[in-house]
Amino acid sequence: MKLNCWEFKKCGRHVGGEKVKELGVCPVASERRTDGINGGRNAGRCCWAIAGTLCGGVVQGSFATKAGNCMKCDFYKLVHKEEGSALKKSSEILSIVRH
């Protein structure tokens, strides 16, 4: 079974998570347009392309401003390794989210 970012990071910001009252539901956990990408639920396996995530205790902005941090992330690296050549490109994900 492939993990979604909230399962890997244990952030508690998914629907029903223990940190939702304090921090709110993460946009990744509720982004339905990207459901199924890279085998994840909602945007759970393409979180790097979704604005407004909370990483390292800091709200991350747009893809352009957070991409550098995301590329260092262990979860980002895991998804890239697991998906290999089947990985959905960030540009494709961004196009889906924008439309």
PDB file of N, CA and C in Angstrom:
ATOM      1  N   MET A   1       0.835  -1.184   0.000  1.00  0.00           N
ATOM      2  CA  MET A   1       0.000   0.000   0.000  1.00  0.00           C
ATOM      3  C   MET A   1       0.883   1.252   0.000  1.00  0.00           C
ATOM      4  N   LYS A   2       0.535   2.200  -0.832  1.00  0.00           N
ATOM      5  CA  LYS A   2       1.301   3.438  -0.927  1.00  0.00           C
ATOM      6  C   LYS A   2       0.807   4.439   0.109  1.00  0.00           C
ATOM      7  N   LEU A   3       1.741   5.045   0.797  1.00  0.00           N
ATOM      8  CA  LEU A   3       1.400   6.027   1.818  1.00  0.00           C
ATOM      9  C   LEU A   3       1.115   7.387   1.207  1.00  0.00           C
ATOM     10  N   ASN A   4       0.182   8.092   1.810  1.00  0.00           N
ATOM     11  CA  ASN A   4      -0.057   9.501   1.507  1.00  0.00           C
ATOM     12  C   ASN A   4       0.831  10.316   2.438  1.00  0.00           C
ATOM     13  N   CYS A   5       1.072  11.571   2.079  1.00  0.00           N
ATOM     14  CA  CYS A   5       1.997  12.395   2.862  1.00  0.00           C
ATOM     15  C   CYS A   5       1.586  12.505   4.329  1.00  0.00           C
ATOM     16  N   TRP A   6       0.298  12.648   4.612  1.00  0.00           N
ATOM     17  CA  TRP A   6      -0.128  12.815   6.004  1.00  0.00           C
ATOM     18  C   TRP A   6       0.102  11.545   6.815  1.00  0.00           C
ATOM     19  N   GLU A   7       0.113  10.397   6.148  1.00  0.00           N
ATOM     20  CA  GLU A   7       0.419   9.141   6.839  1.00  0.00           C
ATOM     21  C   GLU A   7       1.927   9.034   7.093  1.00  0.00           C
ATOM     22  N   PHE A   8       2.710   9.403   6.106  1.00  0.00           N
ATOM     23  CA  PHE A   8       4.164   9.356   6.210  1.00  0.00           C
ATOM     24  C   PHE A   8       4.668  10.367   7.234  1.00  0.00           C
ATOM     25  N   LYS A   9       4.164  11.593   7.143  1.00  0.00           N
ATOM     26  CA  LYS A   9       4.623  12.681   8.013  1.00  0.00           C
ATOM     27  C   LYS A   9       3.937  12.691   9.380  1.00  0.00           C
ATOM     28  N   LYS A  10       2.803  11.994   9.480  1.00  0.00           N
ATOM     29  CA  LYS A  10       2.030  11.947  10.728  1.00  0.00           C
ATOM     30  C   LYS A  10       1.700  13.350  11.248  1.00  0.00           C
ATOM     31  N   CYS A  11       1.242  14.199  10.324  1.00  0.00           N
ATOM     32  CA  CYS A  11       0.965  15.598  10.662  1.00  0.00           C
ATOM     33  C   CYS A  11      -0.388  15.801  11.353  1.00  0.00           C
ATOM     34  N   GLY A  12      -1.316  14.859  11.164  1.00  0.00           N
ATOM     35  CA  GLY A  12      -2.619  14.981  11.808  1.00  0.00           C
ATOM     36  C   GLY A  12      -3.546  15.997  11.170  1.00  0.00           C
ATOM     37  N   ARG A  13      -3.255  16.442   9.946  1.00  0.00           N
ATOM     38  CA  ARG A  13      -4.080  17.456   9.288  1.00  0.00           C
ATOM     39  C   ARG A  13      -5.010  16.887   8.231  1.00  0.00           C
ATOM     40  N   HIS A  14      -5.158  15.575   8.177  1.00  0.00           N
ATOM     41  CA  HIS A  14      -6.119  14.942   7.277  1.00  0.00           C
ATOM     42  C   HIS A  14      -7.501  14.984   7.921  1.00  0.00           C
ATOM     43  N   VAL A  15      -8.536  14.755   7.126  1.00  0.00           N
ATOM     44  CA  VAL A  15      -9.904  14.765   7.656  1.00  0.00           C
ATOM     45  C   VAL A  15      -9.980  13.763   8.806  1.00  0.00           C
ATOM     46  N   GLY A  16     -10.412  14.243   9.964  1.00  0.00           N
ATOM     47  CA  GLY A  16     -10.496  13.404  11.152  1.00  0.00           C
ATOM     48  C   GLY A  16      -9.197  13.324  11.941  1.00  0.00           C
ATOM     49  N   GLY A  17      -8.169  14.025  11.488  1.00  0.00           N
ATOM     50  CA  GLY A  17      -6.865  13.989  12.152  1.00  0.00           C
ATOM     51  C   GLY A  17      -6.856  14.751  13.471  1.00  0.00           C
ATOM     52  N   GLU A  18      -5.896  14.400  14.313  1.00  0.00           N
ATOM     53  CA  GLU A  18      -5.822  14.970  15.659  1.00  0.00           C
ATOM     54  C   GLU A  18      -5.397  16.437  15.709  1.00  0.00           C
ATOM     55  N   LYS A  19      -4.870  16.984  14.641  1.00  0.00           N
ATOM     56  CA  LYS A  19      -4.447  18.392  14.628  1.00  0.00           C
ATOM     57  C   LYS A  19      -5.396  19.308  13.850  1.00  0.00           C
ATOM     58  N   VAL A  20      -6.503  18.762  13.356  1.00  0.00           N
ATOM     59  CA  VAL A  20      -7.414  19.554  12.522  1.00  0.00           C
ATOM     60  C   VAL A  20      -8.019  20.727  13.298  1.00  0.00           C
ATOM     61  N   LYS A  21      -8.423  20.526  14.530  1.00  0.00           N
ATOM     62  CA  LYS A  21      -9.015  21.623  15.316  1.00  0.00           C
ATOM     63  C   LYS A  21      -8.014  22.752  15.511  1.00  0.00           C
ATOM     64  N   GLU A  22      -6.775  22.410  15.690  1.00  0.00           N
ATOM     65  CA  GLU A  22      -5.729  23.401  15.946  1.00  0.00           C
ATOM     66  C   GLU A  22      -5.217  24.063  14.653  1.00  0.00           C
ATOM     67  N   LEU A  23      -4.999  23.260  13.605  1.00  0.00           N
ATOM     68  CA  LEU A  23      -4.329  23.751  12.399  1.00  0.00           C
ATOM     69  C   LEU A  23      -5.177  23.721  11.131  1.00  0.00           C
ATOM     70  N   GLY A  24      -6.325  23.069  11.193  1.00  0.00           N
ATOM     71  CA  GLY A  24      -7.187  22.945  10.023  1.00  0.00           C
ATOM     72  C   GLY A  24      -6.814  21.765   9.146  1.00  0.00           C
ATOM     73  N   VAL A  25      -7.694  21.444   8.206  1.00  0.00           N
ATOM     74  CA  VAL A  25      -7.439  20.361   7.257  1.00  0.00           C
ATOM     75  C   VAL A  25      -6.461  20.879   6.210  1.00  0.00           C
ATOM     76  N   CYS A  26      -5.452  20.096   5.932  1.00  0.00           N
ATOM     77  CA  CYS A  26      -4.453  20.467   4.936  1.00  0.00           C
ATOM     78  C   CYS A  26      -5.087  20.468   3.544  1.00  0.00           C
ATOM     79  N   PRO A  27      -4.727  21.425   2.696  1.00  0.00           N
ATOM     80  CA  PRO A  27      -5.258  21.459   1.331  1.00  0.00           C
ATOM     81  C   PRO A  27      -4.955  20.170   0.552  1.00  0.00           C
ATOM     82  N   VAL A  28      -3.885  19.499   0.886  1.00  0.00           N
ATOM     83  CA  VAL A  28      -3.528  18.243   0.224  1.00  0.00           C
ATOM     84  C   VAL A  28      -4.582  17.173   0.495  1.00  0.00           C
ATOM     85  N   ALA A  29      -5.037  17.104   1.724  1.00  0.00           N
ATOM     86  CA  ALA A  29      -5.995  16.072   2.115  1.00  0.00           C
ATOM     87  C   ALA A  29      -7.381  16.307   1.527  1.00  0.00           C
ATOM     88  N   SER A  30      -7.655  17.519   1.076  1.00  0.00           N
ATOM     89  CA  SER A  30      -8.986  17.819   0.542  1.00  0.00           C
ATOM     90  C   SER A  30      -8.999  18.128  -0.955  1.00  0.00           C
ATOM     91  N   GLU A  31      -7.845  18.081  -1.616  1.00  0.00           N
ATOM     92  CA  GLU A  31      -7.743  18.409  -3.042  1.00  0.00           C
ATOM     93  C   GLU A  31      -8.164  17.208  -3.895  1.00  0.00           C
ATOM     94  N   ARG A  32      -9.414  17.188  -4.296  1.00  0.00           N
ATOM     95  CA  ARG A  32      -9.981  16.037  -5.002  1.00  0.00           C
ATOM     96  C   ARG A  32      -9.611  15.967  -6.480  1.00  0.00           C
ATOM     97  N   ARG A  33      -9.238  17.084  -7.071  1.00  0.00           N
ATOM     98  CA  ARG A  33      -8.905  17.070  -8.507  1.00  0.00           C
ATOM     99  C   ARG A  33      -7.680  16.217  -8.800  1.00  0.00           C
ATOM    100  N   THR A  34      -6.873  15.970  -7.793  1.00  0.00           N
ATOM    101  CA  THR A  34      -5.646  15.201  -7.981  1.00  0.00           C
ATOM    102  C   THR A  34      -5.756  13.781  -7.427  1.00  0.00           C
ATOM    103  N   ASP A  35      -6.956  13.382  -7.079  1.00  0.00           N
ATOM    104  CA  ASP A  35      -7.160  12.041  -6.518  1.00  0.00           C
ATOM    105  C   ASP A  35      -6.637  10.978  -7.479  1.00  0.00           C
ATOM    106  N   GLY A  36      -5.829  10.080  -6.959  1.00  0.00           N
ATOM    107  CA  GLY A  36      -5.289   8.979  -7.745  1.00  0.00           C
ATOM    108  C   GLY A  36      -3.920   9.247  -8.351  1.00  0.00           C
ATOM    109  N   ILE A  37      -3.495  10.500  -8.384  1.00  0.00           N
ATOM    110  CA  ILE A  37      -2.176  10.795  -8.951  1.00  0.00           C
ATOM    111  C   ILE A  37      -1.098  10.117  -8.109  1.00  0.00           C
ATOM    112  N   ASN A  38      -0.200   9.447  -8.777  1.00  0.00           N
ATOM    113  CA  ASN A  38       0.892   8.697  -8.150  1.00  0.00           C
ATOM    114  C   ASN A  38       0.383   7.678  -7.131  1.00  0.00           C
ATOM    115  N   GLY A  39      -0.865   7.241  -7.305  1.00  0.00           N
ATOM    116  CA  GLY A  39      -1.441   6.222  -6.435  1.00  0.00           C
ATOM    117  C   GLY A  39      -1.905   6.735  -5.086  1.00  0.00           C
ATOM    118  N   GLY A  40      -2.097   8.044  -4.968  1.00  0.00           N
ATOM    119  CA  GLY A  40      -2.480   8.621  -3.684  1.00  0.00           C
ATOM    120  C   GLY A  40      -3.940   9.009  -3.602  1.00  0.00           C
ATOM    121  N   ARG A  41      -4.371   9.293  -2.391  1.00  0.00           N
ATOM    122  CA  ARG A  41      -5.727   9.790  -2.150  1.00  0.00           C
ATOM    123  C   ARG A  41      -5.678  11.310  -2.132  1.00  0.00           C
ATOM    124  N   ASN A  42      -6.598  11.929  -2.862  1.00  0.00           N
ATOM    125  CA  ASN A  42      -6.613  13.384  -3.055  1.00  0.00           C
ATOM    126  C   ASN A  42      -5.237  13.815  -3.560  1.00  0.00           C
ATOM    127  N   ALA A  43      -4.525  14.686  -2.862  1.00  0.00           N
ATOM    128  CA  ALA A  43      -3.184  15.080  -3.324  1.00  0.00           C
ATOM    129  C   ALA A  43      -2.107  14.480  -2.434  1.00  0.00           C
ATOM    130  N   GLY A  44      -2.416  13.361  -1.827  1.00  0.00           N
ATOM    131  CA  GLY A  44      -1.522  12.735  -0.857  1.00  0.00           C
ATOM    132  C   GLY A  44      -0.194  12.253  -1.380  1.00  0.00           C
ATOM    133  N   ARG A  45      -0.064  12.134  -2.712  1.00  0.00           N
ATOM    134  CA  ARG A  45       1.220  11.726  -3.280  1.00  0.00           C
ATOM    135  C   ARG A  45       1.693  12.698  -4.357  1.00  0.00           C
ATOM    136  N   CYS A  46       1.216  13.932  -4.230  1.00  0.00           N
ATOM    137  CA  CYS A  46       1.726  15.028  -5.074  1.00  0.00           C
ATOM    138  C   CYS A  46       1.646  16.328  -4.287  1.00  0.00           C
ATOM    139  N   CYS A  47       1.878  16.250  -2.990  1.00  0.00           N
ATOM    140  CA  CYS A  47       1.746  17.382  -2.075  1.00  0.00           C
ATOM    141  C   CYS A  47       2.634  18.555  -2.444  1.00  0.00           C
ATOM    142  N   TRP A  48       3.759  18.286  -3.067  1.00  0.00           N
ATOM    143  CA  TRP A  48       4.699  19.350  -3.450  1.00  0.00           C
ATOM    144  C   TRP A  48       4.109  20.342  -4.440  1.00  0.00           C
ATOM    145  N   ALA A  49       3.058  19.949  -5.133  1.00  0.00           N
ATOM    146  CA  ALA A  49       2.448  20.831  -6.134  1.00  0.00           C
ATOM    147  C   ALA A  49       1.249  21.605  -5.593  1.00  0.00           C
ATOM    148  N   ILE A  50       0.944  21.439  -4.315  1.00  0.00           N
ATOM    149  CA  ILE A  50      -0.237  22.058  -3.716  1.00  0.00           C
ATOM    150  C   ILE A  50       0.188  23.177  -2.767  1.00  0.00           C
ATOM    151  N   ALA A  51      -0.348  24.360  -2.980  1.00  0.00           N
ATOM    152  CA  ALA A  51      -0.036  25.519  -2.131  1.00  0.00           C
ATOM    153  C   ALA A  51      -0.719  25.403  -0.777  1.00  0.00           C
ATOM    154  N   GLY A  52      -0.113  26.000   0.218  1.00  0.00           N
ATOM    155  CA  GLY A  52      -0.733  26.103   1.536  1.00  0.00           C
ATOM    156  C   GLY A  52      -0.505  24.930   2.456  1.00  0.00           C
ATOM    157  N   THR A  53       0.439  24.057   2.138  1.00  0.00           N
ATOM    158  CA  THR A  53       0.732  22.941   3.031  1.00  0.00           C
ATOM    159  C   THR A  53       1.497  23.465   4.243  1.00  0.00           C
ATOM    160  N   LEU A  54       1.487  22.690   5.305  1.00  0.00           N
ATOM    161  CA  LEU A  54       2.213  23.051   6.522  1.00  0.00           C
ATOM    162  C   LEU A  54       3.365  22.064   6.660  1.00  0.00           C
ATOM    163  N   CYS A  55       4.562  22.522   6.421  1.00  0.00           N
ATOM    164  CA  CYS A  55       5.730  21.648   6.481  1.00  0.00           C
ATOM    165  C   CYS A  55       6.749  22.258   7.425  1.00  0.00           C
ATOM    166  N   GLY A  56       7.205  21.449   8.350  1.00  0.00           N
ATOM    167  CA  GLY A  56       8.180  21.957   9.314  1.00  0.00           C
ATOM    168  C   GLY A  56       7.617  23.057  10.185  1.00  0.00           C
ATOM    169  N   GLY A  57       6.308  23.043  10.389  1.00  0.00           N
ATOM    170  CA  GLY A  57       5.666  24.031  11.238  1.00  0.00           C
ATOM    171  C   GLY A  57       5.425  25.370  10.567  1.00  0.00           C
ATOM    172  N   VAL A  58       5.699  25.462   9.260  1.00  0.00           N
ATOM    173  CA  VAL A  58       5.552  26.705   8.525  1.00  0.00           C
ATOM    174  C   VAL A  58       4.632  26.482   7.330  1.00  0.00           C
ATOM    175  N   VAL A  59       3.680  27.393   7.139  1.00  0.00           N
ATOM    176  CA  VAL A  59       2.805  27.295   5.978  1.00  0.00           C
ATOM    177  C   VAL A  59       3.635  27.591   4.738  1.00  0.00           C
ATOM    178  N   GLN A  60       3.543  26.683   3.767  1.00  0.00           N
ATOM    179  CA  GLN A  60       4.288  26.806   2.521  1.00  0.00           C
ATOM    180  C   GLN A  60       3.400  27.484   1.483  1.00  0.00           C
ATOM    181  N   GLY A  61       3.979  28.270   0.647  1.00  0.00           N
ATOM    182  CA  GLY A  61       3.238  29.004  -0.364  1.00  0.00           C
ATOM    183  C   GLY A  61       3.064  28.223  -1.644  1.00  0.00           C
ATOM    184  N   SER A  62       3.199  28.899  -2.751  1.00  0.00           N
ATOM    185  CA  SER A  62       3.001  28.311  -4.072  1.00  0.00           C
ATOM    186  C   SER A  62       4.092  27.289  -4.385  1.00  0.00           C
ATOM    187  N   PHE A  63       3.870  26.539  -5.445  1.00  0.00           N
ATOM    188  CA  PHE A  63       4.856  25.557  -5.888  1.00  0.00           C
ATOM    189  C   PHE A  63       6.215  26.224  -6.106  1.00  0.00           C
ATOM    190  N   ALA A  64       6.212  27.376  -6.730  1.00  0.00           N
ATOM    191  CA  ALA A  64       7.469  28.063  -7.042  1.00  0.00           C
ATOM    192  C   ALA A  64       8.256  28.415  -5.787  1.00  0.00           C
ATOM    193  N   THR A  65       7.575  28.776  -4.713  1.00  0.00           N
ATOM    194  CA  THR A  65       8.271  29.174  -3.489  1.00  0.00           C
ATOM    195  C   THR A  65       8.635  27.996  -2.604  1.00  0.00           C
ATOM    196  N   LYS A  66       7.955  26.868  -2.751  1.00  0.00           N
ATOM    197  CA  LYS A  66       8.228  25.750  -1.859  1.00  0.00           C
ATOM    198  C   LYS A  66       8.967  24.592  -2.510  1.00  0.00           C
ATOM    199  N   ALA A  67       9.128  24.611  -3.817  1.00  0.00           N
ATOM    200  CA  ALA A  67       9.714  23.486  -4.554  1.00  0.00           C
ATOM    201  C   ALA A  67      11.081  23.083  -4.008  1.00  0.00           C
ATOM    202  N   GLY A  68      11.917  24.059  -3.682  1.00  0.00           N
ATOM    203  CA  GLY A  68      13.248  23.749  -3.154  1.00  0.00           C
ATOM    204  C   GLY A  68      13.195  22.953  -1.871  1.00  0.00           C
ATOM    205  N   ASN A  69      12.292  23.337  -0.958  1.00  0.00           N
ATOM    206  CA  ASN A  69      12.130  22.594   0.293  1.00  0.00           C
ATOM    207  C   ASN A  69      11.593  21.200   0.027  1.00  0.00           C
ATOM    208  N   CYS A  70      10.641  21.105  -0.869  1.00  0.00           N
ATOM    209  CA  CYS A  70      10.010  19.819  -1.154  1.00  0.00           C
ATOM    210  C   CYS A  70      11.001  18.813  -1.730  1.00  0.00           C
ATOM    211  N   MET A  71      11.896  19.283  -2.562  1.00  0.00           N
ATOM    212  CA  MET A  71      12.860  18.372  -3.185  1.00  0.00           C
ATOM    213  C   MET A  71      13.826  17.763  -2.176  1.00  0.00           C
ATOM    214  N   LYS A  72      13.927  18.342  -1.001  1.00  0.00           N
ATOM    215  CA  LYS A  72      14.768  17.800   0.070  1.00  0.00           C
ATOM    216  C   LYS A  72      14.000  16.849   0.983  1.00  0.00           C
ATOM    217  N   CYS A  73      12.692  16.809   0.820  1.00  0.00           N
ATOM    218  CA  CYS A  73      11.807  16.051   1.711  1.00  0.00           C
ATOM    219  C   CYS A  73      11.925  14.540   1.480  1.00  0.00           C
ATOM    220  N   ASP A  74      11.977  13.784   2.566  1.00  0.00           N
ATOM    221  CA  ASP A  74      12.063  12.319   2.473  1.00  0.00           C
ATOM    222  C   ASP A  74      10.840  11.716   1.788  1.00  0.00           C
ATOM    223  N   PHE A  75       9.672  12.305   1.993  1.00  0.00           N
ATOM    224  CA  PHE A  75       8.471  11.771   1.346  1.00  0.00           C
ATOM    225  C   PHE A  75       8.508  12.016  -0.157  1.00  0.00           C
ATOM    226  N   TYR A  76       8.914  13.192  -0.571  1.00  0.00           N
ATOM    227  CA  TYR A  76       9.074  13.523  -1.986  1.00  0.00           C
ATOM    228  C   TYR A  76      10.010  12.511  -2.652  1.00  0.00           C
ATOM    229  N   LYS A  77      11.126  12.237  -2.012  1.00  0.00           N
ATOM    230  CA  LYS A  77      12.101  11.285  -2.537  1.00  0.00           C
ATOM    231  C   LYS A  77      11.516   9.878  -2.609  1.00  0.00           C
ATOM    232  N   LEU A  78      10.739   9.496  -1.601  1.00  0.00           N
ATOM    233  CA  LEU A  78      10.110   8.174  -1.584  1.00  0.00           C
ATOM    234  C   LEU A  78       9.141   8.011  -2.755  1.00  0.00           C
ATOM    235  N   VAL A  79       8.273   8.992  -2.976  1.00  0.00           N
ATOM    236  CA  VAL A  79       7.306   8.916  -4.073  1.00  0.00           C
ATOM    237  C   VAL A  79       8.039   8.831  -5.406  1.00  0.00           C
ATOM    238  N   HIS A  80       9.067   9.620  -5.583  1.00  0.00           N
ATOM    239  CA  HIS A  80       9.834   9.579  -6.832  1.00  0.00           C
ATOM    240  C   HIS A  80      10.460   8.198  -7.042  1.00  0.00           C
ATOM    241  N   LYS A  81      10.971   7.629  -5.984  1.00  0.00           N
ATOM    242  CA  LYS A  81      11.585   6.294  -6.083  1.00  0.00           C
ATOM    243  C   LYS A  81      10.530   5.237  -6.397  1.00  0.00           C
ATOM    244  N   GLU A  82       9.411   5.275  -5.680  1.00  0.00           N
ATOM    245  CA  GLU A  82       8.357   4.279  -5.882  1.00  0.00           C
ATOM    246  C   GLU A  82       7.716   4.367  -7.262  1.00  0.00           C
ATOM    247  N   GLU A  83       7.506   5.565  -7.758  1.00  0.00           N
ATOM    248  CA  GLU A  83       6.811   5.744  -9.025  1.00  0.00           C
ATOM    249  C   GLU A  83       7.729   5.615 -10.241  1.00  0.00           C
ATOM    250  N   GLY A  84       8.981   5.959 -10.082  1.00  0.00           N
ATOM    251  CA  GLY A  84       9.923   5.856 -11.194  1.00  0.00           C
ATOM    252  C   GLY A  84       9.444   6.640 -12.409  1.00  0.00           C
ATOM    253  N   SER A  85       9.488   6.005 -13.567  1.00  0.00           N
ATOM    254  CA  SER A  85       9.121   6.698 -14.808  1.00  0.00           C
ATOM    255  C   SER A  85       7.620   6.981 -14.910  1.00  0.00           C
ATOM    256  N   ALA A  86       6.820   6.357 -14.058  1.00  0.00           N
ATOM    257  CA  ALA A  86       5.371   6.591 -14.074  1.00  0.00           C
ATOM    258  C   ALA A  86       4.969   7.833 -13.277  1.00  0.00           C
ATOM    259  N   LEU A  87       5.931   8.463 -12.604  1.00  0.00           N
ATOM    260  CA  LEU A  87       5.651   9.645 -11.788  1.00  0.00           C
ATOM    261  C   LEU A  87       4.999  10.735 -12.619  1.00  0.00           C
ATOM    262  N   LYS A  88       3.899  11.287 -12.123  1.00  0.00           N
ATOM    263  CA  LYS A  88       3.232  12.414 -12.787  1.00  0.00           C
ATOM    264  C   LYS A  88       4.078  13.659 -12.561  1.00  0.00           C
ATOM    265  N   LYS A  89       4.409  14.336 -13.632  1.00  0.00           N
ATOM    266  CA  LYS A  89       5.251  15.529 -13.564  1.00  0.00           C
ATOM    267  C   LYS A  89       4.524  16.667 -12.855  1.00  0.00           C
ATOM    268  N   SER A  90       5.311  17.486 -12.168  1.00  0.00           N
ATOM    269  CA  SER A  90       4.751  18.631 -11.444  1.00  0.00           C
ATOM    270  C   SER A  90       3.968  19.544 -12.369  1.00  0.00           C
ATOM    271  N   SER A  91       4.452  19.757 -13.571  1.00  0.00           N
ATOM    272  CA  SER A  91       3.753  20.631 -14.515  1.00  0.00           C
ATOM    273  C   SER A  91       2.366  20.085 -14.849  1.00  0.00           C
ATOM    274  N   GLU A  92       2.243  18.771 -14.960  1.00  0.00           N
ATOM    275  CA  GLU A  92       0.944  18.158 -15.233  1.00  0.00           C
ATOM    276  C   GLU A  92      -0.004  18.318 -14.039  1.00  0.00           C
ATOM    277  N   ILE A  93       0.534  18.150 -12.857  1.00  0.00           N
ATOM    278  CA  ILE A  93      -0.266  18.289 -11.631  1.00  0.00           C
ATOM    279  C   ILE A  93      -0.747  19.730 -11.496  1.00  0.00           C
ATOM    280  N   LEU A  94       0.156  20.671 -11.701  1.00  0.00           N
ATOM    281  CA  LEU A  94      -0.211  22.085 -11.610  1.00  0.00           C
ATOM    282  C   LEU A  94      -1.283  22.445 -12.632  1.00  0.00           C
ATOM    283  N   SER A  95      -1.201  21.890 -13.797  1.00  0.00           N
ATOM    284  CA  SER A  95      -2.212  22.142 -14.838  1.00  0.00           C
ATOM    285  C   SER A  95      -3.578  21.628 -14.385  1.00  0.00           C
ATOM    286  N   ILE A  96      -3.621  20.494 -13.751  1.00  0.00           N
ATOM    287  CA  ILE A  96      -4.882  19.921 -13.253  1.00  0.00           C
ATOM    288  C   ILE A  96      -5.465  20.826 -12.168  1.00  0.00           C
ATOM    289  N   VAL A  97      -4.640  21.276 -11.264  1.00  0.00           N
ATOM    290  CA  VAL A  97      -5.090  22.101 -10.133  1.00  0.00           C
ATOM    291  C   VAL A  97      -5.570  23.473 -10.608  1.00  0.00           C
ATOM    292  N   ARG A  98      -4.923  24.016 -11.610  1.00  0.00           N
ATOM    293  CA  ARG A  98      -5.285  25.347 -12.112  1.00  0.00           C
ATOM    294  C   ARG A  98      -6.591  25.351 -12.884  1.00  0.00           C
ATOM    295  N   HIS A  99      -6.993  24.227 -13.423  1.00  0.00           N
ATOM    296  CA  HIS A  99      -8.198  24.172 -14.248  1.00  0.00           C
ATOM    297  C   HIS A  99      -9.295  23.582 -13.467  1.00  0.00           C
TER     298      HIS A  99
END
